[in-house]
């Protein structure tokens, strides 16, 4: 039953992904992205990865959707049609996708006995029994994220921080554009009026 639910969710995810690619309405695409993240979170719950599901629901369906909707307020809701499609980009995507799928062939099957979680059960026992004395916090999840997976958490924090700075810079540049245009218009108008600063010149003109 669990495998059936996971396959159904993956099928819906594939259909929604194709819909996002084909759809030209940017607002509809953003809504589909939110639905995609919620279904992905549900798939993670089915696969007993509840912590990843919380992150996907909060970041993918929550924060990302809000940022996309905010970005749409600065642009049009319809994607402009292009005159031609790049075959090189399509070939690059197909080759990259094929390599990624090929790389998954060496991965252990979901729930398989040869997965690292099954072949190294002593790690889970160590985290449960010794995390309090080795790290300190009483919460085992906090100990794993902050100490045992510290570099992983640091990398995720750097990615989120960099994305936040990029969004702030984009919004800041967008807000500065009207001021720049106003200053340019003011300089042109002042240059035009300077030609007639002398009343005699204006009368001769």
C-alpha atoms as a PDB file:
ATOM      1  CA  UNK A   1       0.000   0.000   0.000  1.00  0.00           C
ATOM      2  CA  UNK A   2       2.823   2.386   0.863  1.00  0.00           C
ATOM      3  CA  UNK A   3       4.523   1.751  -2.474  1.00  0.00           C
ATOM      4  CA  UNK A   4       1.244   2.324  -4.318  1.00  0.00           C
ATOM      5  CA  UNK A   5       0.699   5.689  -2.625  1.00  0.00           C
ATOM      6  CA  UNK A   6       4.288   6.716  -3.387  1.00  0.00           C
ATOM      7  CA  UNK A   7       3.892   5.772  -7.064  1.00  0.00           C
ATOM      8  CA  UNK A   8       0.630   7.710  -7.323  1.00  0.00           C
ATOM      9  CA  UNK A   9       2.247  10.791  -5.800  1.00  0.00           C
ATOM     10  CA  UNK A  10       5.238  10.512  -8.138  1.00  0.00           C
ATOM     11  CA  UNK A  11       2.873  10.237 -11.113  1.00  0.00           C
ATOM     12  CA  UNK A  12       1.057  13.409 -10.069  1.00  0.00           C
ATOM     13  CA  UNK A  13       4.409  15.141  -9.570  1.00  0.00           C
ATOM     14  CA  UNK A  14       5.460  14.252 -13.123  1.00  0.00           C
ATOM     15  CA  UNK A  15       2.149  15.509 -14.555  1.00  0.00           C
ATOM     16  CA  UNK A  16       2.379  18.796 -12.636  1.00  0.00           C
ATOM     17  CA  UNK A  17       6.011  19.272 -13.699  1.00  0.00           C
ATOM     18  CA  UNK A  18       5.004  18.933 -17.358  1.00  0.00           C
ATOM     19  CA  UNK A  19       2.125  21.357 -16.776  1.00  0.00           C
ATOM     20  CA  UNK A  20       4.495  23.930 -15.278  1.00  0.00           C
ATOM     21  CA  UNK A  21       6.746  23.704 -18.333  1.00  0.00           C
ATOM     22  CA  UNK A  22       3.893  24.030 -20.835  1.00  0.00           C
ATOM     23  CA  UNK A  23       1.866  26.697 -19.018  1.00  0.00           C
ATOM     24  CA  UNK A  24       2.369  30.280 -20.233  1.00  0.00           C
ATOM     25  CA  UNK A  25       0.460  31.941 -17.397  1.00  0.00           C
ATOM     26  CA  UNK A  26       3.081  32.803 -14.779  1.00  0.00           C
ATOM     27  CA  UNK A  27       0.538  33.080 -11.956  1.00  0.00           C
ATOM     28  CA  UNK A  28      -0.798  29.623 -12.748  1.00  0.00           C
ATOM     29  CA  UNK A  29       2.754  28.279 -12.899  1.00  0.00           C
ATOM     30  CA  UNK A  30       3.482  29.670  -9.427  1.00  0.00           C
ATOM     31  CA  UNK A  31       0.334  28.024  -8.062  1.00  0.00           C
ATOM     32  CA  UNK A  32       1.323  24.716  -9.645  1.00  0.00           C
ATOM     33  CA  UNK A  33       4.778  25.041  -8.082  1.00  0.00           C
ATOM     34  CA  UNK A  34       3.139  25.363  -4.666  1.00  0.00           C
ATOM     35  CA  UNK A  35       1.002  22.286  -5.336  1.00  0.00           C
ATOM     36  CA  UNK A  36       4.112  20.442  -6.525  1.00  0.00           C
ATOM     37  CA  UNK A  37       5.917  21.237  -3.270  1.00  0.00           C
ATOM     38  CA  UNK A  38       2.961  20.056  -1.183  1.00  0.00           C
ATOM     39  CA  UNK A  39       2.788  16.764  -3.085  1.00  0.00           C
ATOM     40  CA  UNK A  40       6.554  16.357  -2.734  1.00  0.00           C
ATOM     41  CA  UNK A  41       6.197  16.903   1.013  1.00  0.00           C
ATOM     42  CA  UNK A  42       3.482  14.240   1.102  1.00  0.00           C
ATOM     43  CA  UNK A  43       5.782  11.852  -0.780  1.00  0.00           C
ATOM     44  CA  UNK A  44       8.539  12.475   1.768  1.00  0.00           C
ATOM     45  CA  UNK A  45       6.095  11.704   4.583  1.00  0.00           C
ATOM     46  CA  UNK A  46       5.177   8.413   2.902  1.00  0.00           C
ATOM     47  CA  UNK A  47       8.899   7.564   2.717  1.00  0.00           C
ATOM     48  CA  UNK A  48       9.289   8.336   6.459  1.00  0.00           C
ATOM     49  CA  UNK A  49      11.362  11.486   5.845  1.00  0.00           C
ATOM     50  CA  UNK A  50       9.212  13.796   7.944  1.00  0.00           C
ATOM     51  CA  UNK A  51      11.985  16.335   8.571  1.00  0.00           C
ATOM     52  CA  UNK A  52      12.533  16.793   4.833  1.00  0.00           C
ATOM     53  CA  UNK A  53       8.761  17.041   4.351  1.00  0.00           C
ATOM     54  CA  UNK A  54       8.556  19.921   6.849  1.00  0.00           C
ATOM     55  CA  UNK A  55      11.364  21.748   5.036  1.00  0.00           C
ATOM     56  CA  UNK A  56       9.784  21.216   1.617  1.00  0.00           C
ATOM     57  CA  UNK A  57       6.368  22.393   2.797  1.00  0.00           C
ATOM     58  CA  UNK A  58       7.757  25.471   4.554  1.00  0.00           C
ATOM     59  CA  UNK A  59      10.308  26.551   1.939  1.00  0.00           C
ATOM     60  CA  UNK A  60       8.864  25.158  -1.290  1.00  0.00           C
ATOM     61  CA  UNK A  61       5.147  25.722  -0.763  1.00  0.00           C
ATOM     62  CA  UNK A  62       5.434  28.650   1.646  1.00  0.00           C
ATOM     63  CA  UNK A  63       8.378  31.013   1.303  1.00  0.00           C
ATOM     64  CA  UNK A  64       9.108  30.317  -2.372  1.00  0.00           C
ATOM     65  CA  UNK A  65       5.476  30.857  -3.357  1.00  0.00           C
ATOM     66  CA  UNK A  66       5.398  34.195  -1.537  1.00  0.00           C
ATOM     67  CA  UNK A  67       8.630  35.303  -3.231  1.00  0.00           C
ATOM     68  CA  UNK A  68       7.354  34.294  -6.666  1.00  0.00           C
ATOM     69  CA  UNK A  69       4.076  36.141  -6.128  1.00  0.00           C
ATOM     70  CA  UNK A  70       6.029  39.195  -5.016  1.00  0.00           C
ATOM     71  CA  UNK A  71       8.175  38.982  -8.139  1.00  0.00           C
ATOM     72  CA  UNK A  72       5.061  38.786 -10.320  1.00  0.00           C
ATOM     73  CA  UNK A  73       3.965  42.175  -8.994  1.00  0.00           C
ATOM     74  CA  UNK A  74       6.944  43.681 -10.857  1.00  0.00           C
ATOM     75  CA  UNK A  75       6.305  41.967 -14.178  1.00  0.00           C
ATOM     76  CA  UNK A  76       3.575  40.675 -16.470  1.00  0.00           C
ATOM     77  CA  UNK A  77       1.528  37.563 -15.734  1.00  0.00           C
ATOM     78  CA  UNK A  78       1.951  36.144 -19.219  1.00  0.00           C
ATOM     79  CA  UNK A  79       5.158  34.738 -20.623  1.00  0.00           C
ATOM     80  CA  UNK A  80       6.187  36.345 -23.897  1.00  0.00           C
ATOM     81  CA  UNK A  81       6.292  33.774 -26.722  1.00  0.00           C
ATOM     82  CA  UNK A  82       9.698  33.257 -28.260  1.00  0.00           C
ATOM     83  CA  UNK A  83      10.305  33.054 -31.960  1.00  0.00           C
ATOM     84  CA  UNK A  84      12.285  29.812 -31.780  1.00  0.00           C
ATOM     85  CA  UNK A  85      13.191  27.095 -29.333  1.00  0.00           C
ATOM     86  CA  UNK A  86      16.797  26.300 -28.623  1.00  0.00           C
ATOM     87  CA  UNK A  87      17.604  22.732 -29.611  1.00  0.00           C
ATOM     88  CA  UNK A  88      20.932  22.987 -27.807  1.00  0.00           C
ATOM     89  CA  UNK A  89      19.179  23.730 -24.508  1.00  0.00           C
ATOM     90  CA  UNK A  90      16.781  20.819 -25.044  1.00  0.00           C
ATOM     91  CA  UNK A  91      19.663  18.471 -25.803  1.00  0.00           C
ATOM     92  CA  UNK A  92      21.528  19.668 -22.709  1.00  0.00           C
ATOM     93  CA  UNK A  93      18.506  19.014 -20.498  1.00  0.00           C
ATOM     94  CA  UNK A  94      17.941  15.549 -21.963  1.00  0.00           C
ATOM     95  CA  UNK A  95      21.596  14.551 -21.556  1.00  0.00           C
ATOM     96  CA  UNK A  96      21.753  15.908 -18.000  1.00  0.00           C
ATOM     97  CA  UNK A  97      18.541  14.122 -17.051  1.00  0.00           C
ATOM     98  CA  UNK A  98      19.823  10.878 -18.547  1.00  0.00           C
ATOM     99  CA  UNK A  99      23.068  11.121 -16.578  1.00  0.00           C
ATOM    100  CA  UNK A 100      21.168  11.772 -13.350  1.00  0.00           C
ATOM    101  CA  UNK A 101      18.906   8.777 -13.950  1.00  0.00           C
ATOM    102  CA  UNK A 102      21.941   6.643 -14.781  1.00  0.00           C
ATOM    103  CA  UNK A 103      23.566   7.728 -11.514  1.00  0.00           C
ATOM    104  CA  UNK A 104      20.587   6.455  -9.530  1.00  0.00           C
ATOM    105  CA  UNK A 105      21.100   2.900 -10.806  1.00  0.00           C
ATOM    106  CA  UNK A 106      23.883   2.346  -8.259  1.00  0.00           C
ATOM    107  CA  UNK A 107      21.751   3.602  -5.381  1.00  0.00           C
ATOM    108  CA  UNK A 108      20.180   1.027  -3.045  1.00  0.00           C
ATOM    109  CA  UNK A 109      16.493   0.377  -3.497  1.00  0.00           C
ATOM    110  CA  UNK A 110      14.034   2.154  -1.251  1.00  0.00           C
ATOM    111  CA  UNK A 111      13.827   0.186   1.988  1.00  0.00           C
ATOM    112  CA  UNK A 112      16.460  -2.277   0.784  1.00  0.00           C
ATOM    113  CA  UNK A 113      18.581  -4.271   3.193  1.00  0.00           C
ATOM    114  CA  UNK A 114      21.788  -2.959   1.594  1.00  0.00           C
ATOM    115  CA  UNK A 115      21.007   0.702   2.265  1.00  0.00           C
ATOM    116  CA  UNK A 116      23.459   2.572   4.542  1.00  0.00           C
ATOM    117  CA  UNK A 117      20.800   2.949   7.217  1.00  0.00           C
ATOM    118  CA  UNK A 118      20.491  -0.848   7.386  1.00  0.00           C
ATOM    119  CA  UNK A 119      24.159  -1.774   7.007  1.00  0.00           C
ATOM    120  CA  UNK A 120      25.346   0.700   9.665  1.00  0.00           C
ATOM    121  CA  UNK A 121      22.744   0.503  12.442  1.00  0.00           C
ATOM    122  CA  UNK A 122      25.390   1.354  15.035  1.00  0.00           C
ATOM    123  CA  UNK A 123      25.273   4.995  13.925  1.00  0.00           C
ATOM    124  CA  UNK A 124      21.637   5.388  14.958  1.00  0.00           C
ATOM    125  CA  UNK A 125      22.372   3.713  18.290  1.00  0.00           C
ATOM    126  CA  UNK A 126      25.307   6.052  18.856  1.00  0.00           C
ATOM    127  CA  UNK A 127      23.250   9.134  18.038  1.00  0.00           C
ATOM    128  CA  UNK A 128      20.538   8.072  20.462  1.00  0.00           C
ATOM    129  CA  UNK A 129      22.770   6.989  23.326  1.00  0.00           C
ATOM    130  CA  UNK A 130      25.742   9.377  23.116  1.00  0.00           C
ATOM    131  CA  UNK A 131      24.430  12.587  21.523  1.00  0.00           C
ATOM    132  CA  UNK A 132      23.684  14.081  24.927  1.00  0.00           C
ATOM    133  CA  UNK A 133      27.225  13.589  26.215  1.00  0.00           C
ATOM    134  CA  UNK A 134      29.031  14.295  22.917  1.00  0.00           C
ATOM    135  CA  UNK A 135      27.063  17.353  21.786  1.00  0.00           C
ATOM    136  CA  UNK A 136      24.982  18.588  24.688  1.00  0.00           C
ATOM    137  CA  UNK A 137      21.422  19.462  23.556  1.00  0.00           C
ATOM    138  CA  UNK A 138      18.771  17.059  24.844  1.00  0.00           C
ATOM    139  CA  UNK A 139      17.040  17.020  21.446  1.00  0.00           C
ATOM    140  CA  UNK A 140      18.633  14.349  19.246  1.00  0.00           C
ATOM    141  CA  UNK A 141      17.524  16.055  16.016  1.00  0.00           C
ATOM    142  CA  UNK A 142      19.268  19.261  17.088  1.00  0.00           C
ATOM    143  CA  UNK A 143      22.434  17.326  17.860  1.00  0.00           C
ATOM    144  CA  UNK A 144      22.408  15.627  14.458  1.00  0.00           C
ATOM    145  CA  UNK A 145      21.778  18.830  12.485  1.00  0.00           C
ATOM    146  CA  UNK A 146      24.151  21.058  14.454  1.00  0.00           C
ATOM    147  CA  UNK A 147      27.016  18.620  15.063  1.00  0.00           C
ATOM    148  CA  UNK A 148      26.995  15.314  13.217  1.00  0.00           C
ATOM    149  CA  UNK A 149      25.674  16.982  10.043  1.00  0.00           C
ATOM    150  CA  UNK A 150      27.134  20.393  10.806  1.00  0.00           C
ATOM    151  CA  UNK A 151      28.801  20.917   7.415  1.00  0.00           C
ATOM    152  CA  UNK A 152      25.609  19.906   5.624  1.00  0.00           C
ATOM    153  CA  UNK A 153      23.587  22.381   7.676  1.00  0.00           C
ATOM    154  CA  UNK A 154      26.213  25.075   7.087  1.00  0.00           C
ATOM    155  CA  UNK A 155      26.015  24.528   3.331  1.00  0.00           C
ATOM    156  CA  UNK A 156      22.217  24.763   3.364  1.00  0.00           C
ATOM    157  CA  UNK A 157      22.421  27.970   5.399  1.00  0.00           C
ATOM    158  CA  UNK A 158      24.878  29.501   2.931  1.00  0.00           C
ATOM    159  CA  UNK A 159      22.579  28.625   0.014  1.00  0.00           C
ATOM    160  CA  UNK A 160      19.524  30.177   1.687  1.00  0.00           C
ATOM    161  CA  UNK A 161      21.525  33.253   2.738  1.00  0.00           C
ATOM    162  CA  UNK A 162      22.887  33.735  -0.791  1.00  0.00           C
ATOM    163  CA  UNK A 163      19.409  33.387  -2.283  1.00  0.00           C
ATOM    164  CA  UNK A 164      18.062  35.965   0.175  1.00  0.00           C
ATOM    165  CA  UNK A 165      20.784  38.457  -0.756  1.00  0.00           C
ATOM    166  CA  UNK A 166      20.079  37.908  -4.467  1.00  0.00           C
ATOM    167  CA  UNK A 167      16.351  38.543  -3.982  1.00  0.00           C
ATOM    168  CA  UNK A 168      17.029  41.700  -1.965  1.00  0.00           C
ATOM    169  CA  UNK A 169      19.392  42.988  -4.661  1.00  0.00           C
ATOM    170  CA  UNK A 170      16.857  42.310  -7.403  1.00  0.00           C
ATOM    171  CA  UNK A 171      14.086  44.082  -5.514  1.00  0.00           C
ATOM    172  CA  UNK A 172      16.428  46.963  -4.698  1.00  0.00           C
ATOM    173  CA  UNK A 173      17.434  47.416  -8.332  1.00  0.00           C
ATOM    174  CA  UNK A 174      13.787  47.382  -9.351  1.00  0.00           C
ATOM    175  CA  UNK A 175      12.945  50.108  -6.868  1.00  0.00           C
ATOM    176  CA  UNK A 176      15.866  52.279  -7.935  1.00  0.00           C
ATOM    177  CA  UNK A 177      14.923  52.301 -11.616  1.00  0.00           C
ATOM    178  CA  UNK A 178      12.109  54.901 -11.353  1.00  0.00           C
ATOM    179  CA  UNK A 179      14.450  57.249  -9.461  1.00  0.00           C
ATOM    180  CA  UNK A 180      17.096  56.880 -12.152  1.00  0.00           C
ATOM    181  CA  UNK A 181      14.566  57.598 -14.880  1.00  0.00           C
ATOM    182  CA  UNK A 182      13.275  60.619 -12.943  1.00  0.00           C
ATOM    183  CA  UNK A 183      16.780  61.989 -12.502  1.00  0.00           C
ATOM    184  CA  UNK A 184      17.483  61.510 -16.203  1.00  0.00           C
ATOM    185  CA  UNK A 185      14.256  63.261 -17.134  1.00  0.00           C
ATOM    186  CA  UNK A 186      15.119  66.094 -14.767  1.00  0.00           C
ATOM    187  CA  UNK A 187      18.559  66.499 -16.289  1.00  0.00           C
ATOM    188  CA  UNK A 188      17.098  66.621 -19.800  1.00  0.00           C
ATOM    189  CA  UNK A 189      14.488  69.201 -18.812  1.00  0.00           C
ATOM    190  CA  UNK A 190      17.092  71.341 -17.079  1.00  0.00           C
ATOM    191  CA  UNK A 191      19.297  71.143 -20.151  1.00  0.00           C
ATOM    192  CA  UNK A 192      16.393  72.240 -22.352  1.00  0.00           C
ATOM    193  CA  UNK A 193      15.453  75.168 -20.125  1.00  0.00           C
ATOM    194  CA  UNK A 194      19.075  76.248 -19.827  1.00  0.00           C
ATOM    195  CA  UNK A 195      19.048  77.085 -23.530  1.00  0.00           C
ATOM    196  CA  UNK A 196      16.454  79.762 -22.827  1.00  0.00           C
ATOM    197  CA  UNK A 197      17.817  80.956 -19.516  1.00  0.00           C
ATOM    198  CA  UNK A 198      18.366  84.411 -21.033  1.00  0.00           C
ATOM    199  CA  UNK A 199      15.028  86.176 -21.807  1.00  0.00           C
ATOM    200  CA  UNK A 200      16.602  87.804 -24.842  1.00  0.00           C
ATOM    201  CA  UNK A 201      17.512  84.432 -26.282  1.00  0.00           C
ATOM    202  CA  UNK A 202      13.965  83.196 -25.737  1.00  0.00           C
ATOM    203  CA  UNK A 203      12.531  86.224 -27.589  1.00  0.00           C
ATOM    204  CA  UNK A 204      14.955  85.706 -30.483  1.00  0.00           C
ATOM    205  CA  UNK A 205      13.965  82.036 -30.636  1.00  0.00           C
END
